[in-house]
Amino acid sequence: MRRWRTLLAVLAAVVTAATMSPNPAAAANDPVVPFVVGGTRAAQGEFPWMVRLSMGCGGALYSPTLVLTAAHCVSRTGTNSSITATLGVVDLQSSSRVTRRSNYVYRAPGYNGSGDDWAFIRLASPVTGVATLPIATSTAYDSGTFTVAGWGANREGGSQQRYLLKATVPFVSDATCNSSSMYGGEVIAAEEICAGYTAGGVDTCQGDSGGPMFRQGASGWIQVGIVSWGDGCARPNKPGVYTQVSYFSSAIRSAATSLGG
């Protein structure tokens, strides 16, 4: 059974309201709590294209008006002005945070709960002065060591957090990830990619869904995955499973063009 790395909408709304509290005194007294399991604090400006979505997911700024996220984070394709995207900061309470409302959602047309786990959130107005994250268009970068980041839970079953955390995770081959000791054939090898440690301890978690997995390419960071699912968080022999961006790159670029991005 697939366990998505997102949270119920009700919980997401509660956490979002708490993390975006306008009370500066409360903010100053909040402890710094990790979110990506086993990670460390990201520096301001380190990953400027990271996006926090108000339904409790992550994303990456693909273009000034488009956020690439997971299909399981959204309900359908169509007009949608209910989502708020927060970006440009590590601290979600920072006064310099950039926010935009959505005006449209595009969910991968083949998505049915298994595979095709990608979507776009179109923003009502463009974001300027914030770097975008290019996607991998071939399998050249689909191995090695990856970076993940997000505002999700710091432990399995935990709550979403205020500060962006980062971690590195190694590639896990399709054969290993689909072995009986890991996912026993549940991973769709052609369109999903696994990353994590056999011993566990470092992983994405609930609330990180839709966020990017990325690595250094020929000329900077490049997105190779989208946080999709996993069995719990940071468990031994249960690496994170990510949408393999290179497999969908043509469809992603085509959809972006149709959305004006």
C-alpha atoms as a PDB file:
ATOM      1  CA  MET A   1       0.000   0.000   0.000  1.00  0.00           C
ATOM      2  CA  ARG A   2       1.390   3.409  -0.950  1.00  0.00           C
ATOM      3  CA  ARG A   3       1.793   5.875   1.905  1.00  0.00           C
ATOM      4  CA  TRP A   4       1.858   9.369   0.415  1.00  0.00           C
ATOM      5  CA  ARG A   5       4.172  11.948   1.949  1.00  0.00           C
ATOM      6  CA  THR A   6       1.440  14.489   2.470  1.00  0.00           C
ATOM      7  CA  LEU A   7      -0.996  15.165   5.303  1.00  0.00           C
ATOM      8  CA  LEU A   8      -4.746  15.382   5.632  1.00  0.00           C
ATOM      9  CA  ALA A   9      -6.100  18.754   4.568  1.00  0.00           C
ATOM     10  CA  VAL A  10      -7.452  19.513   8.037  1.00  0.00           C
ATOM     11  CA  LEU A  11      -4.083  18.961   9.680  1.00  0.00           C
ATOM     12  CA  ALA A  12      -2.355  20.959   6.947  1.00  0.00           C
ATOM     13  CA  ALA A  13      -4.683  23.898   7.541  1.00  0.00           C
ATOM     14  CA  VAL A  14      -4.038  23.839  11.270  1.00  0.00           C
ATOM     15  CA  VAL A  15      -0.267  23.677  10.838  1.00  0.00           C
ATOM     16  CA  THR A  16      -0.257  26.369   8.165  1.00  0.00           C
ATOM     17  CA  ALA A  17      -2.232  28.703  10.415  1.00  0.00           C
ATOM     18  CA  ALA A  18       0.197  28.056  13.253  1.00  0.00           C
ATOM     19  CA  THR A  19       3.368  28.513  11.201  1.00  0.00           C
ATOM     20  CA  MET A  20       2.123  31.715   9.600  1.00  0.00           C
ATOM     21  CA  SER A  21       1.134  33.329  12.899  1.00  0.00           C
ATOM     22  CA  PRO A  22       1.657  37.105  12.778  1.00  0.00           C
ATOM     23  CA  ASN A  23       2.682  37.194  16.437  1.00  0.00           C
ATOM     24  CA  PRO A  24       6.409  38.090  16.423  1.00  0.00           C
ATOM     25  CA  ALA A  25       6.847  37.341  20.117  1.00  0.00           C
ATOM     26  CA  ALA A  26       5.550  33.816  19.638  1.00  0.00           C
ATOM     27  CA  ALA A  27       7.780  33.385  16.595  1.00  0.00           C
ATOM     28  CA  ALA A  28      10.858  34.473  18.504  1.00  0.00           C
ATOM     29  CA  ASN A  29      10.206  31.870  21.207  1.00  0.00           C
ATOM     30  CA  ASP A  30       9.513  28.960  18.848  1.00  0.00           C
ATOM     31  CA  PRO A  31      12.213  26.273  19.003  1.00  0.00           C
ATOM     32  CA  VAL A  32      13.979  25.312  15.796  1.00  0.00           C
ATOM     33  CA  VAL A  33      12.676  21.827  15.022  1.00  0.00           C
ATOM     34  CA  PRO A  34      13.920  19.713  12.088  1.00  0.00           C
ATOM     35  CA  PHE A  35      11.474  18.437   9.446  1.00  0.00           C
ATOM     36  CA  VAL A  36      13.165  16.372   6.734  1.00  0.00           C
ATOM     37  CA  VAL A  37      14.180  13.404   8.902  1.00  0.00           C
ATOM     38  CA  GLY A  38      17.898  13.427   9.735  1.00  0.00           C
ATOM     39  CA  GLY A  39      18.515  16.766   8.033  1.00  0.00           C
ATOM     40  CA  THR A  40      20.168  20.085   8.827  1.00  0.00           C
ATOM     41  CA  ARG A  41      18.995  23.682   8.476  1.00  0.00           C
ATOM     42  CA  ALA A  42      19.227  25.126   4.986  1.00  0.00           C
ATOM     43  CA  ALA A  43      20.818  28.552   4.653  1.00  0.00           C
ATOM     44  CA  GLN A  44      18.764  31.510   3.472  1.00  0.00           C
ATOM     45  CA  GLY A  45      19.045  31.686  -0.312  1.00  0.00           C
ATOM     46  CA  GLU A  46      20.559  28.213  -0.654  1.00  0.00           C
ATOM     47  CA  PHE A  47      17.529  26.756  -2.458  1.00  0.00           C
ATOM     48  CA  PRO A  48      15.525  29.841  -3.490  1.00  0.00           C
ATOM     49  CA  TRP A  49      13.128  27.875  -5.703  1.00  0.00           C
ATOM     50  CA  MET A  50      11.721  25.808  -2.813  1.00  0.00           C
ATOM     51  CA  VAL A  51       7.969  26.366  -2.407  1.00  0.00           C
ATOM     52  CA  ARG A  52       5.609  25.651   0.466  1.00  0.00           C
ATOM     53  CA  LEU A  53       1.991  25.015  -0.556  1.00  0.00           C
ATOM     54  CA  SER A  54      -0.882  25.715   1.818  1.00  0.00           C
ATOM     55  CA  MET A  55      -2.474  22.279   1.451  1.00  0.00           C
ATOM     56  CA  GLY A  56       0.536  20.779   3.213  1.00  0.00           C
ATOM     57  CA  CYS A  57       2.860  19.932   0.315  1.00  0.00           C
ATOM     58  CA  GLY A  58       6.096  21.189  -1.154  1.00  0.00           C
ATOM     59  CA  GLY A  59       7.041  22.160  -4.669  1.00  0.00           C
ATOM     60  CA  ALA A  60       9.689  23.774  -6.843  1.00  0.00           C
ATOM     61  CA  LEU A  61       9.431  26.985  -8.866  1.00  0.00           C
ATOM     62  CA  TYR A  62       9.576  25.751 -12.455  1.00  0.00           C
ATOM     63  CA  SER A  63       8.936  29.169 -14.011  1.00  0.00           C
ATOM     64  CA  PRO A  64       7.829  32.561 -12.661  1.00  0.00           C
ATOM     65  CA  THR A  65       4.189  31.402 -12.795  1.00  0.00           C
ATOM     66  CA  LEU A  66       4.403  27.614 -12.325  1.00  0.00           C
ATOM     67  CA  VAL A  67       5.141  25.392  -9.330  1.00  0.00           C
ATOM     68  CA  LEU A  68       5.941  21.735 -10.028  1.00  0.00           C
ATOM     69  CA  THR A  69       4.531  19.422  -7.344  1.00  0.00           C
ATOM     70  CA  ALA A  70       2.968  15.960  -6.914  1.00  0.00           C
ATOM     71  CA  ALA A  71      -0.342  14.891  -8.460  1.00  0.00           C
ATOM     72  CA  HIS A  72      -1.487  13.351  -5.178  1.00  0.00           C
ATOM     73  CA  CYS A  73      -1.309  16.814  -3.577  1.00  0.00           C
ATOM     74  CA  VAL A  74      -4.172  18.114  -5.748  1.00  0.00           C
ATOM     75  CA  SER A  75      -7.657  16.827  -6.492  1.00  0.00           C
ATOM     76  CA  ARG A  76      -8.124  17.581 -10.185  1.00  0.00           C
ATOM     77  CA  THR A  77      -7.247  19.745 -13.160  1.00  0.00           C
ATOM     78  CA  GLY A  78      -9.113  23.034 -13.337  1.00  0.00           C
ATOM     79  CA  THR A  79      -9.543  26.540 -11.998  1.00  0.00           C
ATOM     80  CA  ASN A  80      -8.369  26.803  -8.402  1.00  0.00           C
ATOM     81  CA  SER A  81      -7.731  29.979  -6.399  1.00  0.00           C
ATOM     82  CA  SER A  82      -7.548  28.321  -2.972  1.00  0.00           C
ATOM     83  CA  ILE A  83      -3.835  27.476  -2.800  1.00  0.00           C
ATOM     84  CA  THR A  84      -1.218  29.822  -1.356  1.00  0.00           C
ATOM     85  CA  ALA A  85       2.415  29.354  -2.357  1.00  0.00           C
ATOM     86  CA  THR A  86       5.110  30.659  -0.003  1.00  0.00           C
ATOM     87  CA  LEU A  87       8.685  30.947  -1.234  1.00  0.00           C
ATOM     88  CA  GLY A  88      11.915  32.897  -1.151  1.00  0.00           C
ATOM     89  CA  VAL A  89      12.631  32.120   2.507  1.00  0.00           C
ATOM     90  CA  VAL A  90      13.851  29.382   4.835  1.00  0.00           C
ATOM     91  CA  ASP A  91      11.677  30.617   7.723  1.00  0.00           C
ATOM     92  CA  LEU A  92       7.975  30.546   6.805  1.00  0.00           C
ATOM     93  CA  GLN A  93       7.382  33.358   9.298  1.00  0.00           C
ATOM     94  CA  SER A  94       9.975  35.662   7.755  1.00  0.00           C
ATOM     95  CA  SER A  95       8.678  39.118   6.875  1.00  0.00           C
ATOM     96  CA  SER A  96      10.496  38.835   3.532  1.00  0.00           C
ATOM     97  CA  ARG A  97       8.558  35.756   2.415  1.00  0.00           C
ATOM     98  CA  VAL A  98       6.933  35.897  -0.998  1.00  0.00           C
ATOM     99  CA  THR A  99       3.359  34.627  -1.345  1.00  0.00           C
ATOM    100  CA  ARG A 100       1.182  34.027  -4.377  1.00  0.00           C
ATOM    101  CA  ARG A 101      -2.303  32.633  -4.817  1.00  0.00           C
ATOM    102  CA  SER A 102      -3.049  29.960  -7.392  1.00  0.00           C
ATOM    103  CA  ASN A 103      -5.429  30.414 -10.297  1.00  0.00           C
ATOM    104  CA  TYR A 104      -5.226  26.985 -11.937  1.00  0.00           C
ATOM    105  CA  VAL A 105      -4.139  23.404 -11.218  1.00  0.00           C
ATOM    106  CA  TYR A 106      -2.948  20.914 -13.819  1.00  0.00           C
ATOM    107  CA  ARG A 107      -2.764  17.299 -12.670  1.00  0.00           C
ATOM    108  CA  ALA A 108      -0.992  14.722 -14.854  1.00  0.00           C
ATOM    109  CA  PRO A 109      -3.769  13.250 -17.016  1.00  0.00           C
ATOM    110  CA  GLY A 110      -2.619   9.665 -16.462  1.00  0.00           C
ATOM    111  CA  TYR A 111      -2.659   9.878 -12.670  1.00  0.00           C
ATOM    112  CA  ASN A 112      -4.866   7.280 -10.979  1.00  0.00           C
ATOM    113  CA  GLY A 113      -3.193   6.860  -7.607  1.00  0.00           C
ATOM    114  CA  SER A 114      -0.186   4.910  -8.869  1.00  0.00           C
ATOM    115  CA  GLY A 115       2.482   6.524 -11.058  1.00  0.00           C
ATOM    116  CA  ASP A 116       2.195   9.754 -13.077  1.00  0.00           C
ATOM    117  CA  ASP A 117       2.625  11.612  -9.783  1.00  0.00           C
ATOM    118  CA  TRP A 118       3.283  15.163 -10.975  1.00  0.00           C
ATOM    119  CA  ALA A 119       1.249  18.353 -11.261  1.00  0.00           C
ATOM    120  CA  PHE A 120       1.530  22.084 -11.816  1.00  0.00           C
ATOM    121  CA  ILE A 121       0.143  24.903  -9.700  1.00  0.00           C
ATOM    122  CA  ARG A 122      -0.213  28.047 -11.801  1.00  0.00           C
ATOM    123  CA  LEU A 123       0.219  31.293  -9.870  1.00  0.00           C
ATOM    124  CA  ALA A 124      -2.091  34.257 -10.320  1.00  0.00           C
ATOM    125  CA  SER A 125       0.879  36.583 -10.804  1.00  0.00           C
ATOM    126  CA  PRO A 126       4.534  35.890 -11.637  1.00  0.00           C
ATOM    127  CA  VAL A 127       7.285  35.690  -9.052  1.00  0.00           C
ATOM    128  CA  THR A 128      10.196  37.966  -9.916  1.00  0.00           C
ATOM    129  CA  GLY A 129      13.716  37.921  -8.568  1.00  0.00           C
ATOM    130  CA  VAL A 130      13.563  34.264  -7.464  1.00  0.00           C
ATOM    131  CA  ALA A 131      15.567  31.570  -9.243  1.00  0.00           C
ATOM    132  CA  THR A 132      13.768  28.655 -10.887  1.00  0.00           C
ATOM    133  CA  LEU A 133      14.835  24.996 -10.825  1.00  0.00           C
ATOM    134  CA  PRO A 134      15.409  23.320 -14.212  1.00  0.00           C
ATOM    135  CA  ILE A 135      14.316  19.708 -14.673  1.00  0.00           C
ATOM    136  CA  ALA A 136      16.347  16.749 -15.897  1.00  0.00           C
ATOM    137  CA  THR A 137      15.519  15.879 -19.494  1.00  0.00           C
ATOM    138  CA  SER A 138      17.599  12.695 -19.675  1.00  0.00           C
ATOM    139  CA  THR A 139      18.663   9.944 -17.281  1.00  0.00           C
ATOM    140  CA  ALA A 140      22.206  11.328 -17.091  1.00  0.00           C
ATOM    141  CA  TYR A 141      21.637  12.660 -13.557  1.00  0.00           C
ATOM    142  CA  ASP A 142      19.393   9.880 -12.238  1.00  0.00           C
ATOM    143  CA  SER A 143      22.046   8.293 -10.032  1.00  0.00           C
ATOM    144  CA  GLY A 144      24.650   9.316  -7.490  1.00  0.00           C
ATOM    145  CA  THR A 145      23.861  11.396  -4.422  1.00  0.00           C
ATOM    146  CA  PHE A 146      20.807  13.646  -4.268  1.00  0.00           C
ATOM    147  CA  THR A 147      19.648  16.512  -2.075  1.00  0.00           C
ATOM    148  CA  VAL A 148      16.140  16.750  -0.636  1.00  0.00           C
ATOM    149  CA  ALA A 149      14.613  19.646   1.273  1.00  0.00           C
ATOM    150  CA  GLY A 150      11.275  20.504   2.811  1.00  0.00           C
ATOM    151  CA  TRP A 151       9.145  21.782   5.668  1.00  0.00           C
ATOM    152  CA  GLY A 152       7.635  18.369   6.426  1.00  0.00           C
ATOM    153  CA  ALA A 153       7.662  16.256   9.589  1.00  0.00           C
ATOM    154  CA  ASN A 154      10.892  15.601  11.487  1.00  0.00           C
ATOM    155  CA  ARG A 155       9.725  12.106  12.396  1.00  0.00           C
ATOM    156  CA  GLU A 156       7.113   9.635  11.272  1.00  0.00           C
ATOM    157  CA  GLY A 157       3.735  10.926  12.393  1.00  0.00           C
ATOM    158  CA  GLY A 158       5.169  14.320  13.359  1.00  0.00           C
ATOM    159  CA  SER A 159       3.901  17.772  12.443  1.00  0.00           C
ATOM    160  CA  GLN A 160       5.037  20.088   9.683  1.00  0.00           C
ATOM    161  CA  GLN A 161       7.610  22.692  10.576  1.00  0.00           C
ATOM    162  CA  ARG A 162       8.567  26.335  10.275  1.00  0.00           C
ATOM    163  CA  TYR A 163      12.160  26.086   8.982  1.00  0.00           C
ATOM    164  CA  LEU A 164      13.473  24.480   5.796  1.00  0.00           C
ATOM    165  CA  LEU A 165      15.712  21.464   6.323  1.00  0.00           C
ATOM    166  CA  LYS A 166      17.955  19.695   3.841  1.00  0.00           C
ATOM    167  CA  ALA A 167      19.550  16.260   3.620  1.00  0.00           C
ATOM    168  CA  THR A 168      21.480  14.114   1.166  1.00  0.00           C
ATOM    169  CA  VAL A 169      20.355  10.645   0.121  1.00  0.00           C
ATOM    170  CA  PRO A 170      22.015   8.095  -2.189  1.00  0.00           C
ATOM    171  CA  PHE A 171      20.460   6.516  -5.273  1.00  0.00           C
ATOM    172  CA  VAL A 172      18.960   3.052  -4.831  1.00  0.00           C
ATOM    173  CA  SER A 173      18.695   0.936  -7.979  1.00  0.00           C
ATOM    174  CA  ASP A 174      15.307  -0.215  -9.259  1.00  0.00           C
ATOM    175  CA  ALA A 175      16.280  -3.854  -8.712  1.00  0.00           C
ATOM    176  CA  THR A 176      17.281  -3.248  -5.099  1.00  0.00           C
ATOM    177  CA  CYS A 177      14.294  -1.029  -4.349  1.00  0.00           C
ATOM    178  CA  ASN A 178      11.907  -3.644  -5.755  1.00  0.00           C
ATOM    179  CA  SER A 179      13.543  -6.534  -3.911  1.00  0.00           C
ATOM    180  CA  SER A 180      11.617  -8.542  -1.324  1.00  0.00           C
ATOM    181  CA  SER A 181      13.495  -6.813   1.510  1.00  0.00           C
ATOM    182  CA  MET A 182      12.346  -3.363   0.328  1.00  0.00           C
ATOM    183  CA  TYR A 183       9.187  -2.776  -1.738  1.00  0.00           C
ATOM    184  CA  GLY A 184       8.629  -6.188  -3.313  1.00  0.00           C
ATOM    185  CA  GLY A 185       7.742  -4.959  -6.778  1.00  0.00           C
ATOM    186  CA  GLU A 186       5.589  -1.954  -5.795  1.00  0.00           C
ATOM    187  CA  VAL A 187       7.906   0.586  -7.440  1.00  0.00           C
ATOM    188  CA  ILE A 188       7.147   1.441 -11.082  1.00  0.00           C
ATOM    189  CA  ALA A 189      10.715   1.143 -12.345  1.00  0.00           C
ATOM    190  CA  ALA A 190      10.254   3.127 -15.553  1.00  0.00           C
ATOM    191  CA  GLU A 191       8.820   6.226 -13.891  1.00  0.00           C
ATOM    192  CA  GLU A 192       9.922   6.194 -10.254  1.00  0.00           C
ATOM    193  CA  ILE A 193      13.332   6.510  -8.618  1.00  0.00           C
ATOM    194  CA  CYS A 194      14.374   5.453  -5.119  1.00  0.00           C
ATOM    195  CA  ALA A 195      16.827   7.165  -2.792  1.00  0.00           C
ATOM    196  CA  GLY A 196      17.788   6.528   0.808  1.00  0.00           C
ATOM    197  CA  TYR A 197      19.948   4.521   3.192  1.00  0.00           C
ATOM    198  CA  THR A 198      19.640   0.805   3.902  1.00  0.00           C
ATOM    199  CA  ALA A 199      19.991   1.614   7.589  1.00  0.00           C
ATOM    200  CA  GLY A 200      17.341   4.353   7.395  1.00  0.00           C
ATOM    201  CA  GLY A 201      17.652   7.498   9.491  1.00  0.00           C
ATOM    202  CA  VAL A 202      17.515  10.096   6.685  1.00  0.00           C
ATOM    203  CA  ASP A 203      14.458  10.596   4.505  1.00  0.00           C
ATOM    204  CA  THR A 204      11.644  12.849   3.394  1.00  0.00           C
ATOM    205  CA  CYS A 205       8.443  12.520   5.404  1.00  0.00           C
ATOM    206  CA  GLN A 206       4.788  13.581   5.650  1.00  0.00           C
ATOM    207  CA  GLY A 207       4.419  17.156   4.452  1.00  0.00           C
ATOM    208  CA  ASP A 208       7.354  16.924   2.032  1.00  0.00           C
ATOM    209  CA  SER A 209       5.214  15.531  -0.821  1.00  0.00           C
ATOM    210  CA  GLY A 210       5.644  17.374  -4.081  1.00  0.00           C
ATOM    211  CA  GLY A 211       8.992  18.860  -3.138  1.00  0.00           C
ATOM    212  CA  PRO A 212      12.021  18.359  -5.387  1.00  0.00           C
ATOM    213  CA  MET A 213      14.888  15.899  -5.197  1.00  0.00           C
ATOM    214  CA  PHE A 214      17.837  17.487  -6.972  1.00  0.00           C
ATOM    215  CA  ARG A 215      21.580  17.314  -7.599  1.00  0.00           C
ATOM    216  CA  GLN A 216      24.306  19.281  -9.283  1.00  0.00           C
ATOM    217  CA  GLY A 217      24.184  19.186 -13.074  1.00  0.00           C
ATOM    218  CA  ALA A 218      26.469  20.628 -15.729  1.00  0.00           C
ATOM    219  CA  SER A 219      25.578  24.209 -14.805  1.00  0.00           C
ATOM    220  CA  GLY A 220      23.981  24.128 -11.373  1.00  0.00           C
ATOM    221  CA  TRP A 221      21.142  22.397  -9.553  1.00  0.00           C
ATOM    222  CA  ILE A 222      18.798  20.207 -11.574  1.00  0.00           C
ATOM    223  CA  GLN A 223      15.610  18.461 -10.435  1.00  0.00           C
ATOM    224  CA  VAL A 224      15.589  14.693 -10.854  1.00  0.00           C
ATOM    225  CA  GLY A 225      12.663  13.695  -8.630  1.00  0.00           C
ATOM    226  CA  ILE A 226       9.423  14.744  -6.939  1.00  0.00           C
ATOM    227  CA  VAL A 227       8.705  13.491  -3.410  1.00  0.00           C
ATOM    228  CA  SER A 228       5.990  10.872  -3.857  1.00  0.00           C
ATOM    229  CA  TRP A 229       5.659   8.019  -1.360  1.00  0.00           C
ATOM    230  CA  GLY A 230       7.336   5.584   0.995  1.00  0.00           C
ATOM    231  CA  ASP A 231       6.663   3.117   3.782  1.00  0.00           C
ATOM    232  CA  GLY A 232       6.805   5.327   6.865  1.00  0.00           C
ATOM    233  CA  CYS A 233       9.745   7.726   7.181  1.00  0.00           C
ATOM    234  CA  ALA A 234      13.445   6.879   7.428  1.00  0.00           C
ATOM    235  CA  ARG A 235      12.780   3.206   8.180  1.00  0.00           C
ATOM    236  CA  PRO A 236      15.534   0.667   7.432  1.00  0.00           C
ATOM    237  CA  ASN A 237      15.191  -0.849   3.940  1.00  0.00           C
ATOM    238  CA  LYS A 238      12.405   1.593   3.064  1.00  0.00           C
ATOM    239  CA  PRO A 239      13.947   4.370   0.947  1.00  0.00           C
ATOM    240  CA  GLY A 240      11.909   7.286  -0.352  1.00  0.00           C
ATOM    241  CA  VAL A 241      10.224   6.808  -3.720  1.00  0.00           C
ATOM    242  CA  TYR A 242      10.236   9.788  -6.088  1.00  0.00           C
ATOM    243  CA  THR A 243       8.610  10.572  -9.422  1.00  0.00           C
ATOM    244  CA  GLN A 244      11.395  10.236 -12.015  1.00  0.00           C
ATOM    245  CA  VAL A 245      11.321  13.658 -13.660  1.00  0.00           C
ATOM    246  CA  SER A 246      13.393  12.674 -16.685  1.00  0.00           C
ATOM    247  CA  TYR A 247      10.771  10.100 -17.704  1.00  0.00           C
ATOM    248  CA  PHE A 248       8.048  12.761 -17.719  1.00  0.00           C
ATOM    249  CA  SER A 249      10.158  15.689 -18.934  1.00  0.00           C
ATOM    250  CA  SER A 250       8.502  15.952 -22.355  1.00  0.00           C
ATOM    251  CA  ALA A 251       5.004  15.847 -20.839  1.00  0.00           C
ATOM    252  CA  ILE A 252       6.008  18.346 -18.142  1.00  0.00           C
ATOM    253  CA  ARG A 253       7.445  20.804 -20.670  1.00  0.00           C
ATOM    254  CA  SER A 254       4.416  20.424 -22.939  1.00  0.00           C
ATOM    255  CA  ALA A 255       2.031  21.081 -20.044  1.00  0.00           C
ATOM    256  CA  ALA A 256       4.083  24.106 -18.976  1.00  0.00           C
ATOM    257  CA  THR A 257       3.820  25.561 -22.470  1.00  0.00           C
ATOM    258  CA  SER A 258       0.064  25.055 -22.523  1.00  0.00           C
ATOM    259  CA  LEU A 259      -0.192  26.840 -19.169  1.00  0.00           C
ATOM    260  CA  GLY A 260       1.796  29.829 -20.412  1.00  0.00           C
ATOM    261  CA  GLY A 261       4.890  28.958 -18.423  1.00  0.00           C
END
